[in-house]
């Protein structure tokens, strides 16, 4: 069969015109966006200490469970990932499902904070935030929900202060740092953390962010922009892309002394799961965690692989303990539509049944 070359020429011309139209519409969309809205769910500041702030979200249900939930996020990213966009906000979902939610905002450490220790964060800021929530609710025990590194902190806290924690929820939380399933856990074994902290004092967020991008360079540095170009004429896709970019590059620095110890004693020496980690002169024994535990991990998590999270259930002393396996990645567990159907309602129901 002989193809008319003129037809090929016309087809190429039509495709070029469609592409030009799409790029023109995309340029107009980008120029019309001055900023993107994140962290929109209504909340109020109820406590602050140094850089740390504690917020309480306004209830969105007439049937609110009596035991409040305090969310402890990681130090290495900003907590508004959980409220990045209103149609896929796990915070909003929990509020609509009847949870009473508080959250810790760690802020942005500067050189004044370079000597902050893990004791300052866990025995100090977290403990004070827990006490504020306990006082406001009139309860001796509250629900504690830790995310990523914040889940590690929450597990340590629940071990040392079990009398203050009614239920413990951990989401994509590293506990066993011996795994070699993820590059982050391999690279960290060889990181000269002393030189890094001694040089910077507060490790720059840009350094941390660059390291995270190198874990999946093609997907995080190229593929996502190709995907944006394919949908550049869709305002909703562009807005969601810019929200994610805003969060990715909004990286706090890391208080040097706390960061030094976390890398050494967790990533390099794996002390927590072995029962050798100490905080404020006390040995942290995960068997002291006897309250109900819900442990959520993500099957395709490249930052905190399942092998780092799942051992928590065997390490604790709880008899009421469950795991949820989420079919997605580290970020998808919060922002994907699948998360709103799986993780948000499962966590809410689990807490409701025990509160």
C-alpha atoms as a PDB file:
ATOM      1  CA  UNK A   1       0.000   0.000   0.000  1.00  0.00           C
ATOM      2  CA  UNK A   2       1.438   3.388  -1.004  1.00  0.00           C
ATOM      3  CA  UNK A   3       0.914   6.251   1.472  1.00  0.00           C
ATOM      4  CA  UNK A   4       0.445   9.718   0.073  1.00  0.00           C
ATOM      5  CA  UNK A   5       3.313  11.808   1.493  1.00  0.00           C
ATOM      6  CA  UNK A   6       1.021  14.833   1.506  1.00  0.00           C
ATOM      7  CA  UNK A   7      -1.238  13.084   4.014  1.00  0.00           C
ATOM      8  CA  UNK A   8       1.747  12.546   6.317  1.00  0.00           C
ATOM      9  CA  UNK A   9       2.647  16.191   5.981  1.00  0.00           C
ATOM     10  CA  UNK A  10      -0.882  17.339   6.831  1.00  0.00           C
ATOM     11  CA  UNK A  11      -1.008  14.974   9.824  1.00  0.00           C
ATOM     12  CA  UNK A  12       2.288  16.304  11.170  1.00  0.00           C
ATOM     13  CA  UNK A  13       1.048  19.862  10.668  1.00  0.00           C
ATOM     14  CA  UNK A  14      -2.169  19.130  12.566  1.00  0.00           C
ATOM     15  CA  UNK A  15      -0.232  17.529  15.437  1.00  0.00           C
ATOM     16  CA  UNK A  16       2.127  20.513  15.559  1.00  0.00           C
ATOM     17  CA  UNK A  17      -0.813  22.927  15.685  1.00  0.00           C
ATOM     18  CA  UNK A  18      -2.437  20.919  18.491  1.00  0.00           C
ATOM     19  CA  UNK A  19       0.831  20.929  20.424  1.00  0.00           C
ATOM     20  CA  UNK A  20       1.232  24.671  19.962  1.00  0.00           C
ATOM     21  CA  UNK A  21      -2.335  25.205  21.161  1.00  0.00           C
ATOM     22  CA  UNK A  22      -1.724  23.030  24.238  1.00  0.00           C
ATOM     23  CA  UNK A  23       1.527  24.848  25.102  1.00  0.00           C
ATOM     24  CA  UNK A  24      -0.149  28.242  24.629  1.00  0.00           C
ATOM     25  CA  UNK A  25      -2.989  27.257  26.948  1.00  0.00           C
ATOM     26  CA  UNK A  26      -0.449  25.880  29.422  1.00  0.00           C
ATOM     27  CA  UNK A  27       1.534  29.114  29.365  1.00  0.00           C
ATOM     28  CA  UNK A  28      -1.636  31.076  30.095  1.00  0.00           C
ATOM     29  CA  UNK A  29      -2.428  28.732  32.969  1.00  0.00           C
ATOM     30  CA  UNK A  30       1.032  29.125  34.508  1.00  0.00           C
ATOM     31  CA  UNK A  31       0.965  32.913  34.121  1.00  0.00           C
ATOM     32  CA  UNK A  32      -2.451  33.117  35.770  1.00  0.00           C
ATOM     33  CA  UNK A  33      -1.267  31.283  38.918  1.00  0.00           C
ATOM     34  CA  UNK A  34       0.350  33.670  41.400  1.00  0.00           C
ATOM     35  CA  UNK A  35       0.585  31.080  44.180  1.00  0.00           C
ATOM     36  CA  UNK A  36      -0.984  27.776  45.119  1.00  0.00           C
ATOM     37  CA  UNK A  37      -3.012  27.192  48.248  1.00  0.00           C
ATOM     38  CA  UNK A  38      -1.924  24.504  50.697  1.00  0.00           C
ATOM     39  CA  UNK A  39      -2.737  23.788  54.342  1.00  0.00           C
ATOM     40  CA  UNK A  40      -6.248  25.241  54.012  1.00  0.00           C
ATOM     41  CA  UNK A  41      -8.180  23.189  56.566  1.00  0.00           C
ATOM     42  CA  UNK A  42      -9.196  25.619  59.352  1.00  0.00           C
ATOM     43  CA  UNK A  43      -7.143  25.385  62.534  1.00  0.00           C
ATOM     44  CA  UNK A  44      -6.061  27.513  65.481  1.00  0.00           C
ATOM     45  CA  UNK A  45      -2.748  27.933  67.275  1.00  0.00           C
ATOM     46  CA  UNK A  46      -3.101  26.632  70.837  1.00  0.00           C
ATOM     47  CA  UNK A  47       0.528  26.445  72.004  1.00  0.00           C
ATOM     48  CA  UNK A  48       3.991  27.500  70.892  1.00  0.00           C
ATOM     49  CA  UNK A  49       7.478  26.955  72.223  1.00  0.00           C
ATOM     50  CA  UNK A  50      10.604  28.176  70.446  1.00  0.00           C
ATOM     51  CA  UNK A  51      10.087  27.242  66.758  1.00  0.00           C
ATOM     52  CA  UNK A  52       7.489  24.549  67.526  1.00  0.00           C
ATOM     53  CA  UNK A  53       3.776  25.327  67.192  1.00  0.00           C
ATOM     54  CA  UNK A  54       0.790  23.184  68.144  1.00  0.00           C
ATOM     55  CA  UNK A  55      -2.415  23.579  66.128  1.00  0.00           C
ATOM     56  CA  UNK A  56      -5.942  22.318  66.729  1.00  0.00           C
ATOM     57  CA  UNK A  57      -8.177  21.711  63.711  1.00  0.00           C
ATOM     58  CA  UNK A  58     -11.791  22.822  63.870  1.00  0.00           C
ATOM     59  CA  UNK A  59     -14.146  19.828  64.104  1.00  0.00           C
ATOM     60  CA  UNK A  60     -16.101  18.974  60.941  1.00  0.00           C
ATOM     61  CA  UNK A  61     -18.431  16.349  62.354  1.00  0.00           C
ATOM     62  CA  UNK A  62     -21.283  16.466  64.856  1.00  0.00           C
ATOM     63  CA  UNK A  63     -20.124  13.100  66.215  1.00  0.00           C
ATOM     64  CA  UNK A  64     -16.542  13.724  67.389  1.00  0.00           C
ATOM     65  CA  UNK A  65     -14.752  10.981  69.311  1.00  0.00           C
ATOM     66  CA  UNK A  66     -13.851  12.104  72.850  1.00  0.00           C
ATOM     67  CA  UNK A  67     -10.162  11.167  72.712  1.00  0.00           C
ATOM     68  CA  UNK A  68      -8.147  13.649  70.603  1.00  0.00           C
ATOM     69  CA  UNK A  69      -5.386  12.684  68.181  1.00  0.00           C
ATOM     70  CA  UNK A  70      -1.990  14.405  68.218  1.00  0.00           C
ATOM     71  CA  UNK A  71      -0.065  14.101  64.935  1.00  0.00           C
ATOM     72  CA  UNK A  72       3.733  14.187  65.159  1.00  0.00           C
ATOM     73  CA  UNK A  73       5.298  14.693  61.734  1.00  0.00           C
ATOM     74  CA  UNK A  74       8.930  14.207  60.701  1.00  0.00           C
ATOM     75  CA  UNK A  75      11.532  16.937  61.155  1.00  0.00           C
ATOM     76  CA  UNK A  76      12.811  16.611  57.586  1.00  0.00           C
ATOM     77  CA  UNK A  77       9.664  17.820  55.787  1.00  0.00           C
ATOM     78  CA  UNK A  78       6.675  20.062  56.376  1.00  0.00           C
ATOM     79  CA  UNK A  79       3.549  18.631  57.961  1.00  0.00           C
ATOM     80  CA  UNK A  80       1.146  20.239  55.485  1.00  0.00           C
ATOM     81  CA  UNK A  81       1.746  17.286  53.152  1.00  0.00           C
ATOM     82  CA  UNK A  82      -1.212  15.803  55.032  1.00  0.00           C
ATOM     83  CA  UNK A  83      -3.353  18.771  53.994  1.00  0.00           C
ATOM     84  CA  UNK A  84      -1.859  19.550  50.594  1.00  0.00           C
ATOM     85  CA  UNK A  85      -5.087  19.834  48.607  1.00  0.00           C
ATOM     86  CA  UNK A  86      -8.643  19.908  49.859  1.00  0.00           C
ATOM     87  CA  UNK A  87     -10.050  17.121  47.697  1.00  0.00           C
ATOM     88  CA  UNK A  88      -7.323  14.719  48.832  1.00  0.00           C
ATOM     89  CA  UNK A  89      -6.483  15.870  52.352  1.00  0.00           C
ATOM     90  CA  UNK A  90      -6.120  13.087  54.891  1.00  0.00           C
ATOM     91  CA  UNK A  91      -6.513  15.692  57.666  1.00  0.00           C
ATOM     92  CA  UNK A  92      -9.839  16.845  56.265  1.00  0.00           C
ATOM     93  CA  UNK A  93     -10.973  13.247  55.822  1.00  0.00           C
ATOM     94  CA  UNK A  94     -10.231  12.440  59.448  1.00  0.00           C
ATOM     95  CA  UNK A  95     -12.096  15.523  60.634  1.00  0.00           C
ATOM     96  CA  UNK A  96     -15.127  14.632  58.518  1.00  0.00           C
ATOM     97  CA  UNK A  97     -14.964  11.104  59.952  1.00  0.00           C
ATOM     98  CA  UNK A  98     -15.163  12.450  63.492  1.00  0.00           C
ATOM     99  CA  UNK A  99     -11.571  12.656  64.741  1.00  0.00           C
ATOM    100  CA  UNK A 100     -10.475  15.540  66.963  1.00  0.00           C
ATOM    101  CA  UNK A 101      -7.092  16.433  65.456  1.00  0.00           C
ATOM    102  CA  UNK A 102      -4.057  18.339  66.719  1.00  0.00           C
ATOM    103  CA  UNK A 103      -0.772  18.626  64.817  1.00  0.00           C
ATOM    104  CA  UNK A 104       2.806  19.667  65.617  1.00  0.00           C
ATOM    105  CA  UNK A 105       4.487  22.157  63.275  1.00  0.00           C
ATOM    106  CA  UNK A 106       8.256  21.993  63.865  1.00  0.00           C
ATOM    107  CA  UNK A 107       9.012  25.232  62.031  1.00  0.00           C
ATOM    108  CA  UNK A 108      12.394  26.088  60.541  1.00  0.00           C
ATOM    109  CA  UNK A 109      15.479  25.618  62.747  1.00  0.00           C
ATOM    110  CA  UNK A 110      18.219  28.226  62.471  1.00  0.00           C
ATOM    111  CA  UNK A 111      21.710  28.483  63.959  1.00  0.00           C
ATOM    112  CA  UNK A 112      20.228  29.179  67.382  1.00  0.00           C
ATOM    113  CA  UNK A 113      18.859  25.628  67.322  1.00  0.00           C
ATOM    114  CA  UNK A 114      21.979  23.718  66.294  1.00  0.00           C
ATOM    115  CA  UNK A 115      22.490  22.287  69.785  1.00  0.00           C
ATOM    116  CA  UNK A 116      18.944  20.934  70.158  1.00  0.00           C
ATOM    117  CA  UNK A 117      19.001  17.265  71.163  1.00  0.00           C
ATOM    118  CA  UNK A 118      16.625  14.346  70.740  1.00  0.00           C
ATOM    119  CA  UNK A 119      15.762  14.871  74.403  1.00  0.00           C
ATOM    120  CA  UNK A 120      14.677  18.416  73.552  1.00  0.00           C
ATOM    121  CA  UNK A 121      12.390  17.150  70.831  1.00  0.00           C
ATOM    122  CA  UNK A 122      10.890  14.111  72.595  1.00  0.00           C
ATOM    123  CA  UNK A 123      11.098  14.819  76.344  1.00  0.00           C
ATOM    124  CA  UNK A 124      10.587  18.517  75.709  1.00  0.00           C
ATOM    125  CA  UNK A 125       8.463  19.597  72.758  1.00  0.00           C
ATOM    126  CA  UNK A 126       6.449  16.410  72.213  1.00  0.00           C
ATOM    127  CA  UNK A 127       5.828  15.862  75.914  1.00  0.00           C
ATOM    128  CA  UNK A 128       4.720  19.464  76.367  1.00  0.00           C
ATOM    129  CA  UNK A 129       2.408  19.226  73.354  1.00  0.00           C
ATOM    130  CA  UNK A 130       0.891  16.011  74.725  1.00  0.00           C
ATOM    131  CA  UNK A 131       0.291  17.701  78.074  1.00  0.00           C
ATOM    132  CA  UNK A 132      -1.424  20.659  76.388  1.00  0.00           C
ATOM    133  CA  UNK A 133      -3.782  18.301  74.524  1.00  0.00           C
ATOM    134  CA  UNK A 134      -4.422  16.295  77.693  1.00  0.00           C
ATOM    135  CA  UNK A 135      -5.225  19.466  79.614  1.00  0.00           C
ATOM    136  CA  UNK A 136      -7.513  20.847  76.918  1.00  0.00           C
ATOM    137  CA  UNK A 137      -9.406  17.551  76.615  1.00  0.00           C
ATOM    138  CA  UNK A 138      -9.530  16.856  80.357  1.00  0.00           C
ATOM    139  CA  UNK A 139      -8.173  13.326  79.728  1.00  0.00           C
ATOM    140  CA  UNK A 140      -5.156  11.527  81.153  1.00  0.00           C
ATOM    141  CA  UNK A 141      -4.451   9.719  77.862  1.00  0.00           C
ATOM    142  CA  UNK A 142      -4.654  10.827  74.227  1.00  0.00           C
ATOM    143  CA  UNK A 143      -4.137   9.162  70.859  1.00  0.00           C
ATOM    144  CA  UNK A 144      -0.687   9.632  69.324  1.00  0.00           C
ATOM    145  CA  UNK A 145      -0.159   9.394  65.556  1.00  0.00           C
ATOM    146  CA  UNK A 146       3.406   9.526  64.229  1.00  0.00           C
ATOM    147  CA  UNK A 147       4.431   9.957  60.605  1.00  0.00           C
ATOM    148  CA  UNK A 148       7.796   8.756  59.208  1.00  0.00           C
ATOM    149  CA  UNK A 149      10.529  10.005  61.567  1.00  0.00           C
ATOM    150  CA  UNK A 150       7.709  11.412  63.700  1.00  0.00           C
ATOM    151  CA  UNK A 151       6.524   7.825  64.116  1.00  0.00           C
ATOM    152  CA  UNK A 152       9.958   6.840  65.402  1.00  0.00           C
ATOM    153  CA  UNK A 153       9.763   9.713  67.898  1.00  0.00           C
ATOM    154  CA  UNK A 154       6.202   8.729  68.844  1.00  0.00           C
ATOM    155  CA  UNK A 155       7.222   5.113  69.435  1.00  0.00           C
ATOM    156  CA  UNK A 156      10.047   6.253  71.708  1.00  0.00           C
ATOM    157  CA  UNK A 157       7.653   8.594  73.504  1.00  0.00           C
ATOM    158  CA  UNK A 158       4.990   5.916  73.969  1.00  0.00           C
ATOM    159  CA  UNK A 159       7.635   3.619  75.440  1.00  0.00           C
ATOM    160  CA  UNK A 160       8.755   6.227  77.960  1.00  0.00           C
ATOM    161  CA  UNK A 161       5.338   7.761  78.743  1.00  0.00           C
ATOM    162  CA  UNK A 162       2.817   4.908  78.271  1.00  0.00           C
ATOM    163  CA  UNK A 163       0.540   6.392  80.913  1.00  0.00           C
ATOM    164  CA  UNK A 164      -0.175   9.349  78.587  1.00  0.00           C
ATOM    165  CA  UNK A 165      -0.915   7.423  75.370  1.00  0.00           C
ATOM    166  CA  UNK A 166      -4.216   5.613  74.873  1.00  0.00           C
ATOM    167  CA  UNK A 167      -3.604   4.395  71.305  1.00  0.00           C
ATOM    168  CA  UNK A 168      -0.535   4.583  69.069  1.00  0.00           C
ATOM    169  CA  UNK A 169      -0.683   4.895  65.275  1.00  0.00           C
ATOM    170  CA  UNK A 170       2.481   4.850  63.176  1.00  0.00           C
ATOM    171  CA  UNK A 171       2.485   5.606  59.446  1.00  0.00           C
ATOM    172  CA  UNK A 172       5.460   4.809  57.136  1.00  0.00           C
ATOM    173  CA  UNK A 173       7.676   4.724  60.232  1.00  0.00           C
ATOM    174  CA  UNK A 174      11.279   3.457  60.334  1.00  0.00           C
ATOM    175  CA  UNK A 175      11.972   1.234  63.351  1.00  0.00           C
ATOM    176  CA  UNK A 176      14.442  -1.415  62.133  1.00  0.00           C
ATOM    177  CA  UNK A 177      17.227   0.452  60.329  1.00  0.00           C
ATOM    178  CA  UNK A 178      19.204  -2.670  59.399  1.00  0.00           C
ATOM    179  CA  UNK A 179      17.351  -3.173  56.112  1.00  0.00           C
ATOM    180  CA  UNK A 180      19.145  -2.678  52.798  1.00  0.00           C
ATOM    181  CA  UNK A 181      15.922  -2.478  50.801  1.00  0.00           C
ATOM    182  CA  UNK A 182      16.191   1.262  50.234  1.00  0.00           C
ATOM    183  CA  UNK A 183      19.095   3.441  49.075  1.00  0.00           C
ATOM    184  CA  UNK A 184      18.527   5.840  51.970  1.00  0.00           C
ATOM    185  CA  UNK A 185      19.310   3.071  54.441  1.00  0.00           C
ATOM    186  CA  UNK A 186      22.396   2.009  52.471  1.00  0.00           C
ATOM    187  CA  UNK A 187      23.827   5.487  51.909  1.00  0.00           C
ATOM    188  CA  UNK A 188      23.311   6.564  55.515  1.00  0.00           C
ATOM    189  CA  UNK A 189      25.603   3.784  56.739  1.00  0.00           C
ATOM    190  CA  UNK A 190      28.519   5.552  55.023  1.00  0.00           C
ATOM    191  CA  UNK A 191      27.570   9.164  55.759  1.00  0.00           C
ATOM    192  CA  UNK A 192      30.249  11.105  57.634  1.00  0.00           C
ATOM    193  CA  UNK A 193      27.697  12.770  59.862  1.00  0.00           C
ATOM    194  CA  UNK A 194      30.319  14.361  62.141  1.00  0.00           C
ATOM    195  CA  UNK A 195      31.899  16.324  59.294  1.00  0.00           C
ATOM    196  CA  UNK A 196      28.492  17.355  58.009  1.00  0.00           C
ATOM    197  CA  UNK A 197      27.180  18.648  61.337  1.00  0.00           C
ATOM    198  CA  UNK A 198      30.490  20.191  62.403  1.00  0.00           C
ATOM    199  CA  UNK A 199      30.591  22.111  59.114  1.00  0.00           C
ATOM    200  CA  UNK A 200      27.017  23.376  58.975  1.00  0.00           C
ATOM    201  CA  UNK A 201      25.693  23.387  62.545  1.00  0.00           C
ATOM    202  CA  UNK A 202      22.191  23.253  61.085  1.00  0.00           C
ATOM    203  CA  UNK A 203      22.206  20.943  58.059  1.00  0.00           C
ATOM    204  CA  UNK A 204      20.583  22.864  55.169  1.00  0.00           C
ATOM    205  CA  UNK A 205      17.230  21.701  53.882  1.00  0.00           C
ATOM    206  CA  UNK A 206      18.601  21.988  50.338  1.00  0.00           C
ATOM    207  CA  UNK A 207      21.225  19.348  51.151  1.00  0.00           C
ATOM    208  CA  UNK A 208      18.544  17.003  52.476  1.00  0.00           C
ATOM    209  CA  UNK A 209      16.296  17.647  49.507  1.00  0.00           C
ATOM    210  CA  UNK A 210      19.052  16.937  46.995  1.00  0.00           C
ATOM    211  CA  UNK A 211      19.772  13.632  48.721  1.00  0.00           C
ATOM    212  CA  UNK A 212      16.102  12.595  48.565  1.00  0.00           C
ATOM    213  CA  UNK A 213      15.956  13.446  44.857  1.00  0.00           C
ATOM    214  CA  UNK A 214      19.012  11.300  44.142  1.00  0.00           C
ATOM    215  CA  UNK A 215      17.166   8.252  45.494  1.00  0.00           C
ATOM    216  CA  UNK A 216      14.991   8.251  42.337  1.00  0.00           C
ATOM    217  CA  UNK A 217      16.687  10.747  40.005  1.00  0.00           C
ATOM    218  CA  UNK A 218      14.822  10.007  36.789  1.00  0.00           C
ATOM    219  CA  UNK A 219      11.369  10.012  38.345  1.00  0.00           C
ATOM    220  CA  UNK A 220      11.983  13.003  40.623  1.00  0.00           C
ATOM    221  CA  UNK A 221      14.108  15.147  38.304  1.00  0.00           C
ATOM    222  CA  UNK A 222      12.811  14.353  34.797  1.00  0.00           C
ATOM    223  CA  UNK A 223       9.765  12.105  34.540  1.00  0.00           C
ATOM    224  CA  UNK A 224       7.484  14.366  36.566  1.00  0.00           C
ATOM    225  CA  UNK A 225       8.203  17.314  34.270  1.00  0.00           C
ATOM    226  CA  UNK A 226       7.449  15.193  31.220  1.00  0.00           C
ATOM    227  CA  UNK A 227       4.140  14.309  32.831  1.00  0.00           C
ATOM    228  CA  UNK A 228       3.468  18.000  33.449  1.00  0.00           C
ATOM    229  CA  UNK A 229       4.056  18.866  29.784  1.00  0.00           C
ATOM    230  CA  UNK A 230       1.610  16.168  28.713  1.00  0.00           C
ATOM    231  CA  UNK A 231      -1.077  17.828  30.856  1.00  0.00           C
ATOM    232  CA  UNK A 232       0.089  21.443  30.687  1.00  0.00           C
ATOM    233  CA  UNK A 233      -3.307  22.630  29.388  1.00  0.00           C
ATOM    234  CA  UNK A 234      -5.171  21.126  32.380  1.00  0.00           C
ATOM    235  CA  UNK A 235      -5.373  23.777  35.156  1.00  0.00           C
ATOM    236  CA  UNK A 236      -6.194  21.217  37.874  1.00  0.00           C
ATOM    237  CA  UNK A 237      -3.164  19.068  37.010  1.00  0.00           C
ATOM    238  CA  UNK A 238      -0.910  22.131  36.929  1.00  0.00           C
ATOM    239  CA  UNK A 239      -2.199  23.341  40.304  1.00  0.00           C
ATOM    240  CA  UNK A 240      -1.643  19.919  41.898  1.00  0.00           C
ATOM    241  CA  UNK A 241       1.852  19.740  40.395  1.00  0.00           C
ATOM    242  CA  UNK A 242       2.757  23.165  41.804  1.00  0.00           C
ATOM    243  CA  UNK A 243       1.407  22.229  45.232  1.00  0.00           C
ATOM    244  CA  UNK A 244       3.658  19.189  45.310  1.00  0.00           C
ATOM    245  CA  UNK A 245       6.660  21.188  44.082  1.00  0.00           C
ATOM    246  CA  UNK A 246       6.041  23.791  46.769  1.00  0.00           C
ATOM    247  CA  UNK A 247       6.093  21.113  49.457  1.00  0.00           C
ATOM    248  CA  UNK A 248       9.138  19.299  48.032  1.00  0.00           C
ATOM    249  CA  UNK A 249      11.297  22.419  47.998  1.00  0.00           C
ATOM    250  CA  UNK A 250      10.002  23.752  51.318  1.00  0.00           C
ATOM    251  CA  UNK A 251      12.613  21.775  53.252  1.00  0.00           C
ATOM    252  CA  UNK A 252      13.546  22.786  56.820  1.00  0.00           C
ATOM    253  CA  UNK A 253      17.135  22.575  58.011  1.00  0.00           C
ATOM    254  CA  UNK A 254      18.069  19.954  60.592  1.00  0.00           C
ATOM    255  CA  UNK A 255      19.235  20.870  64.087  1.00  0.00           C
ATOM    256  CA  UNK A 256      22.761  19.483  64.039  1.00  0.00           C
ATOM    257  CA  UNK A 257      23.120  17.617  67.317  1.00  0.00           C
ATOM    258  CA  UNK A 258      19.732  15.887  67.095  1.00  0.00           C
ATOM    259  CA  UNK A 259      20.395  14.991  63.457  1.00  0.00           C
ATOM    260  CA  UNK A 260      23.889  13.678  64.286  1.00  0.00           C
ATOM    261  CA  UNK A 261      22.553  11.337  66.927  1.00  0.00           C
ATOM    262  CA  UNK A 262      19.586  10.159  64.864  1.00  0.00           C
ATOM    263  CA  UNK A 263      21.849   9.179  61.966  1.00  0.00           C
ATOM    264  CA  UNK A 264      24.468   7.527  64.187  1.00  0.00           C
ATOM    265  CA  UNK A 265      22.281   5.650  66.647  1.00  0.00           C
ATOM    266  CA  UNK A 266      19.382   4.797  64.345  1.00  0.00           C
ATOM    267  CA  UNK A 267      20.628   4.438  60.756  1.00  0.00           C
ATOM    268  CA  UNK A 268      24.205   3.392  61.506  1.00  0.00           C
ATOM    269  CA  UNK A 269      23.920   1.485  64.794  1.00  0.00           C
ATOM    270  CA  UNK A 270      20.232   0.441  64.756  1.00  0.00           C
ATOM    271  CA  UNK A 271      19.949   0.813  68.520  1.00  0.00           C
ATOM    272  CA  UNK A 272      16.182   1.264  68.883  1.00  0.00           C
ATOM    273  CA  UNK A 273      15.008  -2.172  67.732  1.00  0.00           C
ATOM    274  CA  UNK A 274      17.863  -3.782  69.689  1.00  0.00           C
ATOM    275  CA  UNK A 275      16.790  -2.151  72.948  1.00  0.00           C
ATOM    276  CA  UNK A 276      20.054  -0.205  73.215  1.00  0.00           C
ATOM    277  CA  UNK A 277      18.817   3.324  72.563  1.00  0.00           C
ATOM    278  CA  UNK A 278      18.799   5.717  75.512  1.00  0.00           C
ATOM    279  CA  UNK A 279      17.024   9.015  76.000  1.00  0.00           C
ATOM    280  CA  UNK A 280      17.708  11.206  78.989  1.00  0.00           C
ATOM    281  CA  UNK A 281      19.551   8.391  80.738  1.00  0.00           C
ATOM    282  CA  UNK A 282      16.663   5.913  80.271  1.00  0.00           C
ATOM    283  CA  UNK A 283      16.821   2.840  78.070  1.00  0.00           C
ATOM    284  CA  UNK A 284      13.986   2.803  75.556  1.00  0.00           C
ATOM    285  CA  UNK A 285      12.311  -0.611  75.692  1.00  0.00           C
ATOM    286  CA  UNK A 286       9.663  -0.980  72.980  1.00  0.00           C
ATOM    287  CA  UNK A 287       8.042  -3.735  75.072  1.00  0.00           C
ATOM    288  CA  UNK A 288       6.786  -0.896  77.284  1.00  0.00           C
ATOM    289  CA  UNK A 289       4.391  -0.066  74.444  1.00  0.00           C
ATOM    290  CA  UNK A 290       1.370  -2.021  75.658  1.00  0.00           C
ATOM    291  CA  UNK A 291      -1.393   0.245  74.375  1.00  0.00           C
ATOM    292  CA  UNK A 292      -3.184  -0.709  71.105  1.00  0.00           C
ATOM    293  CA  UNK A 293      -0.963  -0.211  68.047  1.00  0.00           C
ATOM    294  CA  UNK A 294      -1.870   0.397  64.409  1.00  0.00           C
ATOM    295  CA  UNK A 295       1.128   0.279  62.057  1.00  0.00           C
ATOM    296  CA  UNK A 296       0.620   1.510  58.464  1.00  0.00           C
ATOM    297  CA  UNK A 297       3.272   0.891  55.815  1.00  0.00           C
ATOM    298  CA  UNK A 298       3.411   1.492  52.063  1.00  0.00           C
ATOM    299  CA  UNK A 299       4.290  -1.423  49.787  1.00  0.00           C
ATOM    300  CA  UNK A 300       6.195   0.704  47.222  1.00  0.00           C
ATOM    301  CA  UNK A 301       7.830   3.046  49.723  1.00  0.00           C
ATOM    302  CA  UNK A 302      11.342   3.963  48.484  1.00  0.00           C
ATOM    303  CA  UNK A 303      12.105   6.102  51.562  1.00  0.00           C
ATOM    304  CA  UNK A 304      10.897   3.825  54.368  1.00  0.00           C
ATOM    305  CA  UNK A 305      10.547   0.296  52.939  1.00  0.00           C
ATOM    306  CA  UNK A 306       8.172  -2.152  54.614  1.00  0.00           C
ATOM    307  CA  UNK A 307      11.131  -4.065  56.087  1.00  0.00           C
ATOM    308  CA  UNK A 308      11.925  -1.011  58.220  1.00  0.00           C
ATOM    309  CA  UNK A 309       8.354  -0.568  59.504  1.00  0.00           C
ATOM    310  CA  UNK A 310       6.861  -4.021  59.969  1.00  0.00           C
ATOM    311  CA  UNK A 311       9.207  -5.203  62.798  1.00  0.00           C
ATOM    312  CA  UNK A 312       7.558  -2.734  65.186  1.00  0.00           C
ATOM    313  CA  UNK A 313       4.605  -5.066  65.705  1.00  0.00           C
ATOM    314  CA  UNK A 314       6.866  -7.856  66.951  1.00  0.00           C
ATOM    315  CA  UNK A 315       8.926  -5.490  69.105  1.00  0.00           C
ATOM    316  CA  UNK A 316       6.111  -3.998  71.190  1.00  0.00           C
ATOM    317  CA  UNK A 317       4.323  -5.493  74.182  1.00  0.00           C
ATOM    318  CA  UNK A 318       0.818  -4.744  72.876  1.00  0.00           C
ATOM    319  CA  UNK A 319      -1.653  -7.568  72.499  1.00  0.00           C
ATOM    320  CA  UNK A 320      -4.020  -5.414  70.410  1.00  0.00           C
ATOM    321  CA  UNK A 321      -1.879  -4.615  67.354  1.00  0.00           C
ATOM    322  CA  UNK A 322      -2.646  -4.427  63.663  1.00  0.00           C
ATOM    323  CA  UNK A 323      -0.921  -3.577  60.377  1.00  0.00           C
ATOM    324  CA  UNK A 324      -2.299  -1.946  57.254  1.00  0.00           C
ATOM    325  CA  UNK A 325      -0.487  -2.533  53.972  1.00  0.00           C
ATOM    326  CA  UNK A 326      -1.065   0.383  51.578  1.00  0.00           C
ATOM    327  CA  UNK A 327      -0.553  -0.400  47.862  1.00  0.00           C
ATOM    328  CA  UNK A 328       1.403   2.730  47.037  1.00  0.00           C
ATOM    329  CA  UNK A 329       4.377   4.893  47.933  1.00  0.00           C
ATOM    330  CA  UNK A 330       5.587   7.088  50.779  1.00  0.00           C
ATOM    331  CA  UNK A 331       3.754  10.228  49.659  1.00  0.00           C
ATOM    332  CA  UNK A 332       0.789   8.436  48.116  1.00  0.00           C
ATOM    333  CA  UNK A 333      -0.228   7.182  51.542  1.00  0.00           C
ATOM    334  CA  UNK A 334      -1.353  10.777  52.249  1.00  0.00           C
ATOM    335  CA  UNK A 335      -2.233  12.487  48.966  1.00  0.00           C
ATOM    336  CA  UNK A 336      -3.590   9.842  46.607  1.00  0.00           C
ATOM    337  CA  UNK A 337      -7.278   9.258  45.987  1.00  0.00           C
ATOM    338  CA  UNK A 338      -6.640   5.626  46.945  1.00  0.00           C
ATOM    339  CA  UNK A 339      -5.398   6.786  50.347  1.00  0.00           C
ATOM    340  CA  UNK A 340      -8.672   8.595  50.994  1.00  0.00           C
ATOM    341  CA  UNK A 341     -10.503   5.331  50.319  1.00  0.00           C
ATOM    342  CA  UNK A 342      -8.184   3.021  52.267  1.00  0.00           C
ATOM    343  CA  UNK A 343      -5.954   4.676  54.866  1.00  0.00           C
ATOM    344  CA  UNK A 344      -8.058   7.585  56.122  1.00  0.00           C
ATOM    345  CA  UNK A 345     -11.230   5.598  56.914  1.00  0.00           C
ATOM    346  CA  UNK A 346      -9.295   2.607  58.282  1.00  0.00           C
ATOM    347  CA  UNK A 347      -7.329   4.757  60.739  1.00  0.00           C
ATOM    348  CA  UNK A 348     -10.455   6.658  61.770  1.00  0.00           C
ATOM    349  CA  UNK A 349     -12.449   3.466  62.388  1.00  0.00           C
ATOM    350  CA  UNK A 350      -9.583   1.850  64.295  1.00  0.00           C
ATOM    351  CA  UNK A 351      -9.313   4.852  66.619  1.00  0.00           C
ATOM    352  CA  UNK A 352     -13.084   5.198  67.020  1.00  0.00           C
ATOM    353  CA  UNK A 353     -13.364   1.560  68.078  1.00  0.00           C
ATOM    354  CA  UNK A 354     -10.753   2.138  70.814  1.00  0.00           C
ATOM    355  CA  UNK A 355     -11.658   5.649  71.955  1.00  0.00           C
END
